[in-house]
Amino acid sequence: DQITRKDAHNFTVPKRCVSVREPYSAERRKAASERAKAAGYQPPVRKSSS
C-alpha cells in the first residue's frame, strides 16, 4: 500500500544551503552541558499552554 499526501510540495534547494553533520556524540553533549552549567546558563522558561 502507498500513502499519498494531498498538497505535498517538492523543493529544489541549492547544495550550498544545506549542511549535513554527524550527530553530537554523548561525550560532546555531556561536555557542552557541563560548560553551560558552569557558565550559569539557564534554559528559557516555557510558557504553560492554557
PDB file of N, CA and C in Angstrom:
ATOM      1  N   ASP A   1       0.834  -1.200   0.000  1.00  0.00           N
ATOM      2  CA  ASP A   1       0.000   0.000   0.000  1.00  0.00           C
ATOM      3  C   ASP A   1       0.868   1.249   0.000  1.00  0.00           C
ATOM      4  N   GLN A   2       0.370   2.270  -0.610  1.00  0.00           N
ATOM      5  CA  GLN A   2       1.105   3.525  -0.684  1.00  0.00           C
ATOM      6  C   GLN A   2       0.234   4.648  -0.145  1.00  0.00           C
ATOM      7  N   ILE A   3       0.836   5.462   0.685  1.00  0.00           N
ATOM      8  CA  ILE A   3       0.122   6.603   1.250  1.00  0.00           C
ATOM      9  C   ILE A   3       0.525   7.838   0.452  1.00  0.00           C
ATOM     10  N   THR A   4      -0.449   8.565  -0.030  1.00  0.00           N
ATOM     11  CA  THR A   4      -0.148   9.798  -0.753  1.00  0.00           C
ATOM     12  C   THR A   4      -0.685  10.971   0.047  1.00  0.00           C
ATOM     13  N   ARG A   5       0.100  12.027   0.060  1.00  0.00           N
ATOM     14  CA  ARG A   5      -0.327  13.234   0.764  1.00  0.00           C
ATOM     15  C   ARG A   5      -0.942  14.196  -0.232  1.00  0.00           C
ATOM     16  N   LYS A   6      -1.987  14.807   0.199  1.00  0.00           N
ATOM     17  CA  LYS A   6      -2.608  15.822  -0.631  1.00  0.00           C
ATOM     18  C   LYS A   6      -1.834  17.124  -0.417  1.00  0.00           C
ATOM     19  N   ASP A   7      -1.651  17.885  -1.463  1.00  0.00           N
ATOM     20  CA  ASP A   7      -0.957  19.176  -1.401  1.00  0.00           C
ATOM     21  C   ASP A   7       0.503  19.048  -0.965  1.00  0.00           C
ATOM     22  N   ALA A   8       1.164  17.954  -1.304  1.00  0.00           N
ATOM     23  CA  ALA A   8       2.589  17.814  -0.981  1.00  0.00           C
ATOM     24  C   ALA A   8       3.395  18.695  -1.932  1.00  0.00           C
ATOM     25  N   HIS A   9       4.532  19.180  -1.459  1.00  0.00           N
ATOM     26  CA  HIS A   9       5.381  20.051  -2.262  1.00  0.00           C
ATOM     27  C   HIS A   9       6.784  19.484  -2.331  1.00  0.00           C
ATOM     28  N   ASN A  10       7.430  19.698  -3.443  1.00  0.00           N
ATOM     29  CA  ASN A  10       8.835  19.348  -3.605  1.00  0.00           C
ATOM     30  C   ASN A  10       9.604  20.631  -3.856  1.00  0.00           C
ATOM     31  N   PHE A  11      10.766  20.759  -3.237  1.00  0.00           N
ATOM     32  CA  PHE A  11      11.589  21.940  -3.417  1.00  0.00           C
ATOM     33  C   PHE A  11      12.986  21.522  -3.833  1.00  0.00           C
ATOM     34  N   THR A  12      13.583  22.288  -4.706  1.00  0.00           N
ATOM     35  CA  THR A  12      14.976  22.087  -5.064  1.00  0.00           C
ATOM     36  C   THR A  12      15.765  23.153  -4.317  1.00  0.00           C
ATOM     37  N   VAL A  13      16.665  22.704  -3.457  1.00  0.00           N
ATOM     38  CA  VAL A  13      17.438  23.611  -2.616  1.00  0.00           C
ATOM     39  C   VAL A  13      18.898  23.539  -3.047  1.00  0.00           C
ATOM     40  N   PRO A  14      19.564  24.680  -3.231  1.00  0.00           N
ATOM     41  CA  PRO A  14      20.978  24.647  -3.603  1.00  0.00           C
ATOM     42  C   PRO A  14      21.806  23.917  -2.548  1.00  0.00           C
ATOM     43  N   LYS A  15      22.776  23.157  -3.006  1.00  0.00           N
ATOM     44  CA  LYS A  15      23.598  22.353  -2.111  1.00  0.00           C
ATOM     45  C   LYS A  15      24.311  23.226  -1.074  1.00  0.00           C
ATOM     46  N   ARG A  16      24.676  24.449  -1.447  1.00  0.00           N
ATOM     47  CA  ARG A  16      25.384  25.332  -0.512  1.00  0.00           C
ATOM     48  C   ARG A  16      24.496  25.775   0.649  1.00  0.00           C
ATOM     49  N   CYS A  17      23.191  25.590   0.515  1.00  0.00           N
ATOM     50  CA  CYS A  17      22.256  25.993   1.570  1.00  0.00           C
ATOM     51  C   CYS A  17      21.964  24.869   2.557  1.00  0.00           C
ATOM     52  N   VAL A  18      22.542  23.698   2.323  1.00  0.00           N
ATOM     53  CA  VAL A  18      22.247  22.536   3.162  1.00  0.00           C
ATOM     54  C   VAL A  18      23.516  22.086   3.860  1.00  0.00           C
ATOM     55  N   SER A  19      23.402  21.811   5.142  1.00  0.00           N
ATOM     56  CA  SER A  19      24.545  21.325   5.915  1.00  0.00           C
ATOM     57  C   SER A  19      24.154  20.017   6.586  1.00  0.00           C
ATOM     58  N   VAL A  20      24.953  18.987   6.361  1.00  0.00           N
ATOM     59  CA  VAL A  20      24.697  17.686   6.977  1.00  0.00           C
ATOM     60  C   VAL A  20      25.894  17.360   7.850  1.00  0.00           C
ATOM     61  N   ARG A  21      25.634  17.143   9.129  1.00  0.00           N
ATOM     62  CA  ARG A  21      26.718  16.850  10.066  1.00  0.00           C
ATOM     63  C   ARG A  21      26.392  15.598  10.854  1.00  0.00           C
ATOM     64  N   GLU A  22      27.435  15.033  11.449  1.00  0.00           N
ATOM     65  CA  GLU A  22      27.231  13.889  12.333  1.00  0.00           C
ATOM     66  C   GLU A  22      26.471  14.361  13.563  1.00  0.00           C
ATOM     67  N   PRO A  23      25.668  13.505  14.158  1.00  0.00           N
ATOM     68  CA  PRO A  23      25.019  13.888  15.413  1.00  0.00           C
ATOM     69  C   PRO A  23      26.062  14.036  16.515  1.00  0.00           C
ATOM     70  N   TYR A  24      25.761  14.862  17.509  1.00  0.00           N
ATOM     71  CA  TYR A  24      26.680  15.027  18.640  1.00  0.00           C
ATOM     72  C   TYR A  24      26.855  13.687  19.328  1.00  0.00           C
ATOM     73  N   SER A  25      28.072  13.382  19.706  1.00  0.00           N
ATOM     74  CA  SER A  25      28.313  12.169  20.484  1.00  0.00           C
ATOM     75  C   SER A  25      27.850  12.433  21.913  1.00  0.00           C
ATOM     76  N   ALA A  26      27.648  11.376  22.667  1.00  0.00           N
ATOM     77  CA  ALA A  26      27.211  11.517  24.062  1.00  0.00           C
ATOM     78  C   ALA A  26      28.246  12.307  24.855  1.00  0.00           C
ATOM     79  N   GLU A  27      29.539  12.073  24.574  1.00  0.00           N
ATOM     80  CA  GLU A  27      30.599  12.783  25.302  1.00  0.00           C
ATOM     81  C   GLU A  27      30.559  14.277  24.988  1.00  0.00           C
ATOM     82  N   ARG A  28      30.370  14.606  23.717  1.00  0.00           N
ATOM     83  CA  ARG A  28      30.340  16.015  23.327  1.00  0.00           C
ATOM     84  C   ARG A  28      29.132  16.716  23.933  1.00  0.00           C
ATOM     85  N   ARG A  29      27.982  16.044  23.925  1.00  0.00           N
ATOM     86  CA  ARG A  29      26.766  16.622  24.504  1.00  0.00           C
ATOM     87  C   ARG A  29      26.935  16.849  26.001  1.00  0.00           C
ATOM     88  N   LYS A  30      27.553  15.870  26.698  1.00  0.00           N
ATOM     89  CA  LYS A  30      27.764  15.998  28.138  1.00  0.00           C
ATOM     90  C   LYS A  30      28.727  17.143  28.442  1.00  0.00           C
ATOM     91  N   ALA A  31      29.806  17.266  27.652  1.00  0.00           N
ATOM     92  CA  ALA A  31      30.772  18.343  27.861  1.00  0.00           C
ATOM     93  C   ALA A  31      30.113  19.705  27.654  1.00  0.00           C
ATOM     94  N   ALA A  32      29.276  19.833  26.635  1.00  0.00           N
ATOM     95  CA  ALA A  32      28.578  21.091  26.375  1.00  0.00           C
ATOM     96  C   ALA A  32      27.625  21.419  27.520  1.00  0.00           C
ATOM     97  N   SER A  33      26.957  20.402  28.051  1.00  0.00           N
ATOM     98  CA  SER A  33      26.047  20.602  29.174  1.00  0.00           C
ATOM     99  C   SER A  33      26.805  21.092  30.404  1.00  0.00           C
ATOM    100  N   GLU A  34      27.947  20.472  30.673  1.00  0.00           N
ATOM    101  CA  GLU A  34      28.742  20.875  31.840  1.00  0.00           C
ATOM    102  C   GLU A  34      29.275  22.297  31.685  1.00  0.00           C
ATOM    103  N   ARG A  35      29.712  22.658  30.468  1.00  0.00           N
ATOM    104  CA  ARG A  35      30.193  24.029  30.223  1.00  0.00           C
ATOM    105  C   ARG A  35      29.073  25.033  30.456  1.00  0.00           C
ATOM    106  N   ALA A  36      27.883  24.722  29.979  1.00  0.00           N
ATOM    107  CA  ALA A  36      26.752  25.633  30.141  1.00  0.00           C
ATOM    108  C   ALA A  36      26.394  25.795  31.614  1.00  0.00           C
ATOM    109  N   LYS A  37      26.390  24.688  32.353  1.00  0.00           N
ATOM    110  CA  LYS A  37      26.079  24.759  33.785  1.00  0.00           C
ATOM    111  C   LYS A  37      27.130  25.565  34.528  1.00  0.00           C
ATOM    112  N   ALA A  38      28.414  25.377  34.179  1.00  0.00           N
ATOM    113  CA  ALA A  38      29.500  26.113  34.834  1.00  0.00           C
ATOM    114  C   ALA A  38      29.399  27.609  34.539  1.00  0.00           C
ATOM    115  N   ALA A  39      28.892  27.959  33.359  1.00  0.00           N
ATOM    116  CA  ALA A  39      28.757  29.361  32.971  1.00  0.00           C
ATOM    117  C   ALA A  39      27.476  29.976  33.530  1.00  0.00           C
ATOM    118  N   GLY A  40      26.648  29.166  34.182  1.00  0.00           N
ATOM    119  CA  GLY A  40      25.417  29.677  34.778  1.00  0.00           C
ATOM    120  C   GLY A  40      24.269  29.819  33.797  1.00  0.00           C
ATOM    121  N   TYR A  41      24.354  29.137  32.668  1.00  0.00           N
ATOM    122  CA  TYR A  41      23.287  29.222  31.676  1.00  0.00           C
ATOM    123  C   TYR A  41      22.030  28.545  32.192  1.00  0.00           C
ATOM    124  N   GLN A  42      20.899  29.216  32.033  1.00  0.00           N
ATOM    125  CA  GLN A  42      19.603  28.643  32.380  1.00  0.00           C
ATOM    126  C   GLN A  42      18.749  28.624  31.117  1.00  0.00           C
ATOM    127  N   PRO A  43      18.169  27.499  30.787  1.00  0.00           N
ATOM    128  CA  PRO A  43      17.312  27.465  29.599  1.00  0.00           C
ATOM    129  C   PRO A  43      16.096  28.364  29.793  1.00  0.00           C
ATOM    130  N   PRO A  44      15.521  28.849  28.710  1.00  0.00           N
ATOM    131  CA  PRO A  44      14.353  29.722  28.834  1.00  0.00           C
ATOM    132  C   PRO A  44      13.186  28.985  29.480  1.00  0.00           C
ATOM    133  N   VAL A  45      12.382  29.723  30.198  1.00  0.00           N
ATOM    134  CA  VAL A  45      11.212  29.146  30.852  1.00  0.00           C
ATOM    135  C   VAL A  45      10.107  29.017  29.819  1.00  0.00           C
ATOM    136  N   ARG A  46       9.548  27.833  29.713  1.00  0.00           N
ATOM    137  CA  ARG A  46       8.471  27.610  28.748  1.00  0.00           C
ATOM    138  C   ARG A  46       7.168  28.155  29.295  1.00  0.00           C
ATOM    139  N   LYS A  47       6.410  28.754  28.412  1.00  0.00           N
ATOM    140  CA  LYS A  47       5.089  29.241  28.806  1.00  0.00           C
ATOM    141  C   LYS A  47       4.163  28.049  28.910  1.00  0.00           C
ATOM    142  N   SER A  48       3.343  28.034  29.940  1.00  0.00           N
ATOM    143  CA  SER A  48       2.389  26.933  30.066  1.00  0.00           C
ATOM    144  C   SER A  48       1.229  27.193  29.123  1.00  0.00           C
ATOM    145  N   SER A  49       0.840  26.165  28.405  1.00  0.00           N
ATOM    146  CA  SER A  49      -0.281  26.325  27.475  1.00  0.00           C
ATOM    147  C   SER A  49      -1.581  26.143  28.237  1.00  0.00           C
ATOM    148  N   SER A  50      -2.473  27.107  28.072  1.00  0.00           N
ATOM    149  CA  SER A  50      -3.749  27.038  28.788  1.00  0.00           C
ATOM    150  C   SER A  50      -4.873  26.791  27.843  1.00  0.00           C
TER     151      SER A  50
END
